């Protein structure tokens, strides 16, 4: 085989790694501020907005059907982690139980530290999103959003709000914390939608 000077063999791209990302074996911790330490005994999830108002405590919420999820996750800071294992209650189930109005187009996820993020309802249904209550067979650590976090793995991970305490169903979009500070309003890793100008 003759190889011309300057020839570089092309490697097949990793089909699981979005552009601009690198794979990590770690699980980096990135948070807006100090880590809230919410106990299961005091945790609740409130449903509000264009839905049947409700508030479930930990025991009530974890009595709902729990799904096992194995999937990759991608952070806007460019790391990706493959084959993460979670357990959670599907947003399909939560929305059905909450009798969400057909007028609702988006969800505003609220966290116990005041953080918010916005997600179109179409990105939470059809088996695409959960409220996670377990990671790798254990309780979700506080620094990763435990005891419960929103889990929307097909979007950048800032959309998977940590320390989730409320889901607000709204008509029309309402950008959240990072979205009003220059992050992309949607956040698709495969389109590198990191910032508002992407």
C-alpha atoms as a PDB file:
ATOM      1  CA  UNK A   1       0.000   0.000   0.000  1.00  0.00           C
ATOM      2  CA  UNK A   2       1.371   3.394  -0.977  1.00  0.00           C
ATOM      3  CA  UNK A   3       0.453   6.317   1.263  1.00  0.00           C
ATOM      4  CA  UNK A   4       0.948   9.824  -0.087  1.00  0.00           C
ATOM      5  CA  UNK A   5       2.701  12.373   2.063  1.00  0.00           C
ATOM      6  CA  UNK A   6       0.207  14.186   4.251  1.00  0.00           C
ATOM      7  CA  UNK A   7      -2.381  11.400   4.006  1.00  0.00           C
ATOM      8  CA  UNK A   8      -4.340  10.880   7.205  1.00  0.00           C
ATOM      9  CA  UNK A   9      -6.659   7.934   7.601  1.00  0.00           C
ATOM     10  CA  UNK A  10     -10.196   8.991   8.380  1.00  0.00           C
ATOM     11  CA  UNK A  11     -11.780   7.559  11.488  1.00  0.00           C
ATOM     12  CA  UNK A  12     -15.480   6.855  11.507  1.00  0.00           C
ATOM     13  CA  UNK A  13     -17.158   9.402  13.776  1.00  0.00           C
ATOM     14  CA  UNK A  14     -18.574   8.150  17.049  1.00  0.00           C
ATOM     15  CA  UNK A  15     -22.260   7.997  16.244  1.00  0.00           C
ATOM     16  CA  UNK A  16     -23.125   8.452  19.924  1.00  0.00           C
ATOM     17  CA  UNK A  17     -21.053  11.565  20.477  1.00  0.00           C
ATOM     18  CA  UNK A  18     -22.641  14.840  19.377  1.00  0.00           C
ATOM     19  CA  UNK A  19     -20.371  17.328  17.591  1.00  0.00           C
ATOM     20  CA  UNK A  20     -18.067  19.289  19.857  1.00  0.00           C
ATOM     21  CA  UNK A  21     -18.443  16.825  22.745  1.00  0.00           C
ATOM     22  CA  UNK A  22     -15.932  14.496  24.425  1.00  0.00           C
ATOM     23  CA  UNK A  23     -16.668  11.312  26.343  1.00  0.00           C
ATOM     24  CA  UNK A  24     -15.972  11.236  30.070  1.00  0.00           C
ATOM     25  CA  UNK A  25     -16.067   8.420  32.588  1.00  0.00           C
ATOM     26  CA  UNK A  26     -16.659  10.949  35.382  1.00  0.00           C
ATOM     27  CA  UNK A  27     -19.884  12.743  36.231  1.00  0.00           C
ATOM     28  CA  UNK A  28     -18.847  16.401  36.568  1.00  0.00           C
ATOM     29  CA  UNK A  29     -20.798  18.535  39.023  1.00  0.00           C
ATOM     30  CA  UNK A  30     -21.993  21.885  37.702  1.00  0.00           C
ATOM     31  CA  UNK A  31     -24.477  24.002  39.632  1.00  0.00           C
ATOM     32  CA  UNK A  32     -25.735  27.552  39.738  1.00  0.00           C
ATOM     33  CA  UNK A  33     -24.874  27.981  43.425  1.00  0.00           C
ATOM     34  CA  UNK A  34     -24.639  26.047  46.689  1.00  0.00           C
ATOM     35  CA  UNK A  35     -26.070  22.532  46.643  1.00  0.00           C
ATOM     36  CA  UNK A  36     -29.478  22.293  48.329  1.00  0.00           C
ATOM     37  CA  UNK A  37     -29.797  19.265  50.586  1.00  0.00           C
ATOM     38  CA  UNK A  38     -33.447  18.321  50.272  1.00  0.00           C
ATOM     39  CA  UNK A  39     -34.574  15.378  52.387  1.00  0.00           C
ATOM     40  CA  UNK A  40     -37.067  12.887  51.024  1.00  0.00           C
ATOM     41  CA  UNK A  41     -39.273  13.489  54.058  1.00  0.00           C
ATOM     42  CA  UNK A  42     -39.686  17.156  53.128  1.00  0.00           C
ATOM     43  CA  UNK A  43     -39.639  16.808  49.331  1.00  0.00           C
ATOM     44  CA  UNK A  44     -42.739  17.310  47.227  1.00  0.00           C
ATOM     45  CA  UNK A  45     -43.579  17.830  43.572  1.00  0.00           C
ATOM     46  CA  UNK A  46     -46.193  20.455  42.815  1.00  0.00           C
ATOM     47  CA  UNK A  47     -48.245  20.450  39.617  1.00  0.00           C
ATOM     48  CA  UNK A  48     -49.546  23.860  38.590  1.00  0.00           C
ATOM     49  CA  UNK A  49     -50.607  25.989  35.659  1.00  0.00           C
ATOM     50  CA  UNK A  50     -52.783  24.465  32.937  1.00  0.00           C
ATOM     51  CA  UNK A  51     -53.306  21.161  34.742  1.00  0.00           C
ATOM     52  CA  UNK A  52     -55.138  19.704  37.704  1.00  0.00           C
ATOM     53  CA  UNK A  53     -53.374  21.264  40.723  1.00  0.00           C
ATOM     54  CA  UNK A  54     -51.669  18.696  42.892  1.00  0.00           C
ATOM     55  CA  UNK A  55     -48.752  18.120  45.223  1.00  0.00           C
ATOM     56  CA  UNK A  56     -47.251  14.681  45.851  1.00  0.00           C
ATOM     57  CA  UNK A  57     -44.900  13.804  48.671  1.00  0.00           C
ATOM     58  CA  UNK A  58     -42.049  11.324  48.215  1.00  0.00           C
ATOM     59  CA  UNK A  59     -44.033   8.271  49.282  1.00  0.00           C
ATOM     60  CA  UNK A  60     -46.954   9.137  47.024  1.00  0.00           C
ATOM     61  CA  UNK A  61     -44.766   9.985  44.056  1.00  0.00           C
ATOM     62  CA  UNK A  62     -42.582   6.879  44.222  1.00  0.00           C
ATOM     63  CA  UNK A  63     -45.684   4.677  44.378  1.00  0.00           C
ATOM     64  CA  UNK A  64     -46.265   5.566  40.705  1.00  0.00           C
ATOM     65  CA  UNK A  65     -44.960   3.207  37.987  1.00  0.00           C
ATOM     66  CA  UNK A  66     -41.184   3.488  37.794  1.00  0.00           C
ATOM     67  CA  UNK A  67     -39.254   3.016  34.547  1.00  0.00           C
ATOM     68  CA  UNK A  68     -35.645   1.965  34.132  1.00  0.00           C
ATOM     69  CA  UNK A  69     -33.688   4.130  31.698  1.00  0.00           C
ATOM     70  CA  UNK A  70     -30.240   3.486  30.210  1.00  0.00           C
ATOM     71  CA  UNK A  71     -29.037   6.336  28.040  1.00  0.00           C
ATOM     72  CA  UNK A  72     -26.288   8.800  27.210  1.00  0.00           C
ATOM     73  CA  UNK A  73     -26.274  12.317  28.622  1.00  0.00           C
ATOM     74  CA  UNK A  74     -24.687  15.469  27.212  1.00  0.00           C
ATOM     75  CA  UNK A  75     -23.674  18.675  28.995  1.00  0.00           C
ATOM     76  CA  UNK A  76     -23.427  22.073  27.332  1.00  0.00           C
ATOM     77  CA  UNK A  77     -19.880  22.330  28.762  1.00  0.00           C
ATOM     78  CA  UNK A  78     -18.959  19.655  26.172  1.00  0.00           C
ATOM     79  CA  UNK A  79     -18.791  16.428  28.162  1.00  0.00           C
ATOM     80  CA  UNK A  80     -20.900  13.371  27.353  1.00  0.00           C
ATOM     81  CA  UNK A  81     -21.359  10.300  29.518  1.00  0.00           C
ATOM     82  CA  UNK A  82     -22.478   7.031  27.943  1.00  0.00           C
ATOM     83  CA  UNK A  83     -24.796   4.320  29.268  1.00  0.00           C
ATOM     84  CA  UNK A  84     -25.987   6.062  32.421  1.00  0.00           C
ATOM     85  CA  UNK A  85     -28.645   4.162  34.352  1.00  0.00           C
ATOM     86  CA  UNK A  86     -31.614   5.878  35.974  1.00  0.00           C
ATOM     87  CA  UNK A  87     -35.021   5.111  37.383  1.00  0.00           C
ATOM     88  CA  UNK A  88     -37.908   7.519  37.199  1.00  0.00           C
ATOM     89  CA  UNK A  89     -41.566   8.241  36.615  1.00  0.00           C
ATOM     90  CA  UNK A  90     -42.345   9.084  33.014  1.00  0.00           C
ATOM     91  CA  UNK A  91     -43.616  12.506  32.097  1.00  0.00           C
ATOM     92  CA  UNK A  92     -46.268  10.748  30.009  1.00  0.00           C
ATOM     93  CA  UNK A  93     -47.677   9.229  33.195  1.00  0.00           C
ATOM     94  CA  UNK A  94     -47.344  12.453  35.195  1.00  0.00           C
ATOM     95  CA  UNK A  95     -49.098  14.481  32.508  1.00  0.00           C
ATOM     96  CA  UNK A  96     -51.923  11.983  32.139  1.00  0.00           C
ATOM     97  CA  UNK A  97     -52.444  11.891  35.891  1.00  0.00           C
ATOM     98  CA  UNK A  98     -52.314  15.691  35.990  1.00  0.00           C
ATOM     99  CA  UNK A  99     -54.964  16.098  33.267  1.00  0.00           C
ATOM    100  CA  UNK A 100     -52.847  18.645  31.433  1.00  0.00           C
ATOM    101  CA  UNK A 101     -54.888  21.024  29.296  1.00  0.00           C
ATOM    102  CA  UNK A 102     -54.467  20.704  25.513  1.00  0.00           C
ATOM    103  CA  UNK A 103     -53.759  24.452  25.568  1.00  0.00           C
ATOM    104  CA  UNK A 104     -50.444  23.846  27.323  1.00  0.00           C
ATOM    105  CA  UNK A 105     -47.449  24.019  25.000  1.00  0.00           C
ATOM    106  CA  UNK A 106     -44.522  24.163  27.429  1.00  0.00           C
ATOM    107  CA  UNK A 107     -43.423  23.142  30.890  1.00  0.00           C
ATOM    108  CA  UNK A 108     -41.501  25.380  33.251  1.00  0.00           C
ATOM    109  CA  UNK A 109     -39.474  23.186  35.591  1.00  0.00           C
ATOM    110  CA  UNK A 110     -38.894  24.772  39.002  1.00  0.00           C
ATOM    111  CA  UNK A 111     -36.123  23.814  41.401  1.00  0.00           C
ATOM    112  CA  UNK A 112     -35.838  24.288  45.144  1.00  0.00           C
ATOM    113  CA  UNK A 113     -32.961  26.751  44.665  1.00  0.00           C
ATOM    114  CA  UNK A 114     -35.076  29.058  42.488  1.00  0.00           C
ATOM    115  CA  UNK A 115     -33.736  27.762  39.167  1.00  0.00           C
ATOM    116  CA  UNK A 116     -36.124  27.403  36.221  1.00  0.00           C
ATOM    117  CA  UNK A 117     -35.894  26.014  32.710  1.00  0.00           C
ATOM    118  CA  UNK A 118     -38.384  25.751  29.858  1.00  0.00           C
ATOM    119  CA  UNK A 119     -39.119  22.694  27.714  1.00  0.00           C
ATOM    120  CA  UNK A 120     -41.695  22.185  24.948  1.00  0.00           C
ATOM    121  CA  UNK A 121     -44.266  19.554  25.914  1.00  0.00           C
ATOM    122  CA  UNK A 122     -43.506  17.632  22.720  1.00  0.00           C
ATOM    123  CA  UNK A 123     -40.025  17.014  24.163  1.00  0.00           C
ATOM    124  CA  UNK A 124     -41.421  15.518  27.357  1.00  0.00           C
ATOM    125  CA  UNK A 125     -43.896  13.045  25.865  1.00  0.00           C
ATOM    126  CA  UNK A 126     -43.573   9.832  23.899  1.00  0.00           C
ATOM    127  CA  UNK A 127     -41.123   8.232  26.323  1.00  0.00           C
ATOM    128  CA  UNK A 128     -38.563  11.030  26.079  1.00  0.00           C
ATOM    129  CA  UNK A 129     -38.521  12.390  29.646  1.00  0.00           C
ATOM    130  CA  UNK A 130     -38.904  11.377  33.286  1.00  0.00           C
ATOM    131  CA  UNK A 131     -38.668  12.674  36.808  1.00  0.00           C
ATOM    132  CA  UNK A 132     -35.668  10.657  37.950  1.00  0.00           C
ATOM    133  CA  UNK A 133     -35.512   9.315  41.510  1.00  0.00           C
ATOM    134  CA  UNK A 134     -32.507   6.972  41.276  1.00  0.00           C
ATOM    135  CA  UNK A 135     -29.083   6.930  39.584  1.00  0.00           C
ATOM    136  CA  UNK A 136     -26.931   3.824  39.091  1.00  0.00           C
ATOM    137  CA  UNK A 137     -28.975   1.819  41.591  1.00  0.00           C
ATOM    138  CA  UNK A 138     -28.700   4.413  44.363  1.00  0.00           C
ATOM    139  CA  UNK A 139     -30.464   7.549  45.529  1.00  0.00           C
ATOM    140  CA  UNK A 140     -29.487  10.483  43.328  1.00  0.00           C
ATOM    141  CA  UNK A 141     -26.725  12.356  45.204  1.00  0.00           C
ATOM    142  CA  UNK A 142     -27.585  15.897  46.258  1.00  0.00           C
ATOM    143  CA  UNK A 143     -24.902  17.410  44.028  1.00  0.00           C
ATOM    144  CA  UNK A 144     -26.505  15.690  41.023  1.00  0.00           C
ATOM    145  CA  UNK A 145     -29.974  16.960  41.847  1.00  0.00           C
ATOM    146  CA  UNK A 146     -31.338  14.453  44.344  1.00  0.00           C
ATOM    147  CA  UNK A 147     -33.696  13.421  45.634  1.00  0.00           C
ATOM    148  CA  UNK A 148     -35.484  14.045  42.296  1.00  0.00           C
ATOM    149  CA  UNK A 149     -34.574  15.806  39.082  1.00  0.00           C
ATOM    150  CA  UNK A 150     -36.144  16.264  35.698  1.00  0.00           C
ATOM    151  CA  UNK A 151     -34.476  13.986  33.156  1.00  0.00           C
ATOM    152  CA  UNK A 152     -34.603  14.957  29.469  1.00  0.00           C
ATOM    153  CA  UNK A 153     -31.552  13.161  28.031  1.00  0.00           C
ATOM    154  CA  UNK A 154     -31.994  14.138  24.380  1.00  0.00           C
ATOM    155  CA  UNK A 155     -31.384  17.814  25.269  1.00  0.00           C
ATOM    156  CA  UNK A 156     -28.350  19.404  26.902  1.00  0.00           C
ATOM    157  CA  UNK A 157     -28.343  18.535  30.579  1.00  0.00           C
ATOM    158  CA  UNK A 158     -29.163  22.024  31.894  1.00  0.00           C
ATOM    159  CA  UNK A 159     -32.712  21.245  30.730  1.00  0.00           C
ATOM    160  CA  UNK A 160     -32.821  18.338  33.220  1.00  0.00           C
ATOM    161  CA  UNK A 161     -33.466  20.591  36.197  1.00  0.00           C
ATOM    162  CA  UNK A 162     -31.908  19.474  39.485  1.00  0.00           C
ATOM    163  CA  UNK A 163     -33.782  19.502  42.805  1.00  0.00           C
ATOM    164  CA  UNK A 164     -37.106  19.544  41.005  1.00  0.00           C
ATOM    165  CA  UNK A 165     -40.034  20.708  43.112  1.00  0.00           C
ATOM    166  CA  UNK A 166     -42.656  21.935  40.618  1.00  0.00           C
ATOM    167  CA  UNK A 167     -43.854  21.471  37.064  1.00  0.00           C
ATOM    168  CA  UNK A 168     -45.784  24.410  35.651  1.00  0.00           C
ATOM    169  CA  UNK A 169     -47.757  23.805  32.455  1.00  0.00           C
ATOM    170  CA  UNK A 170     -48.107  26.967  30.379  1.00  0.00           C
ATOM    171  CA  UNK A 171     -49.431  28.197  27.054  1.00  0.00           C
ATOM    172  CA  UNK A 172     -46.567  29.817  25.172  1.00  0.00           C
ATOM    173  CA  UNK A 173     -42.877  29.805  25.933  1.00  0.00           C
ATOM    174  CA  UNK A 174     -41.222  31.405  28.951  1.00  0.00           C
ATOM    175  CA  UNK A 175     -37.412  31.189  28.977  1.00  0.00           C
ATOM    176  CA  UNK A 176     -35.826  30.068  32.241  1.00  0.00           C
ATOM    177  CA  UNK A 177     -32.688  31.040  34.156  1.00  0.00           C
ATOM    178  CA  UNK A 178     -29.974  30.181  31.625  1.00  0.00           C
ATOM    179  CA  UNK A 179     -32.153  30.865  28.599  1.00  0.00           C
ATOM    180  CA  UNK A 180     -32.490  34.515  29.643  1.00  0.00           C
ATOM    181  CA  UNK A 181     -28.700  34.698  30.122  1.00  0.00           C
ATOM    182  CA  UNK A 182     -27.596  33.710  26.641  1.00  0.00           C
ATOM    183  CA  UNK A 183     -28.085  29.953  26.522  1.00  0.00           C
ATOM    184  CA  UNK A 184     -30.031  28.533  23.595  1.00  0.00           C
ATOM    185  CA  UNK A 185     -33.778  28.352  24.173  1.00  0.00           C
ATOM    186  CA  UNK A 186     -33.983  24.702  23.035  1.00  0.00           C
ATOM    187  CA  UNK A 187     -30.593  23.026  23.517  1.00  0.00           C
ATOM    188  CA  UNK A 188     -30.223  20.188  20.996  1.00  0.00           C
ATOM    189  CA  UNK A 189     -26.735  18.616  21.403  1.00  0.00           C
ATOM    190  CA  UNK A 190     -26.748  17.280  17.845  1.00  0.00           C
ATOM    191  CA  UNK A 191     -27.223  20.792  16.473  1.00  0.00           C
ATOM    192  CA  UNK A 192     -24.761  22.314  18.994  1.00  0.00           C
ATOM    193  CA  UNK A 193     -27.448  24.665  20.269  1.00  0.00           C
ATOM    194  CA  UNK A 194     -25.406  25.965  23.188  1.00  0.00           C
ATOM    195  CA  UNK A 195     -25.995  29.675  22.981  1.00  0.00           C
ATOM    196  CA  UNK A 196     -28.733  31.952  21.676  1.00  0.00           C
ATOM    197  CA  UNK A 197     -26.736  32.752  18.515  1.00  0.00           C
ATOM    198  CA  UNK A 198     -26.207  29.054  17.601  1.00  0.00           C
END
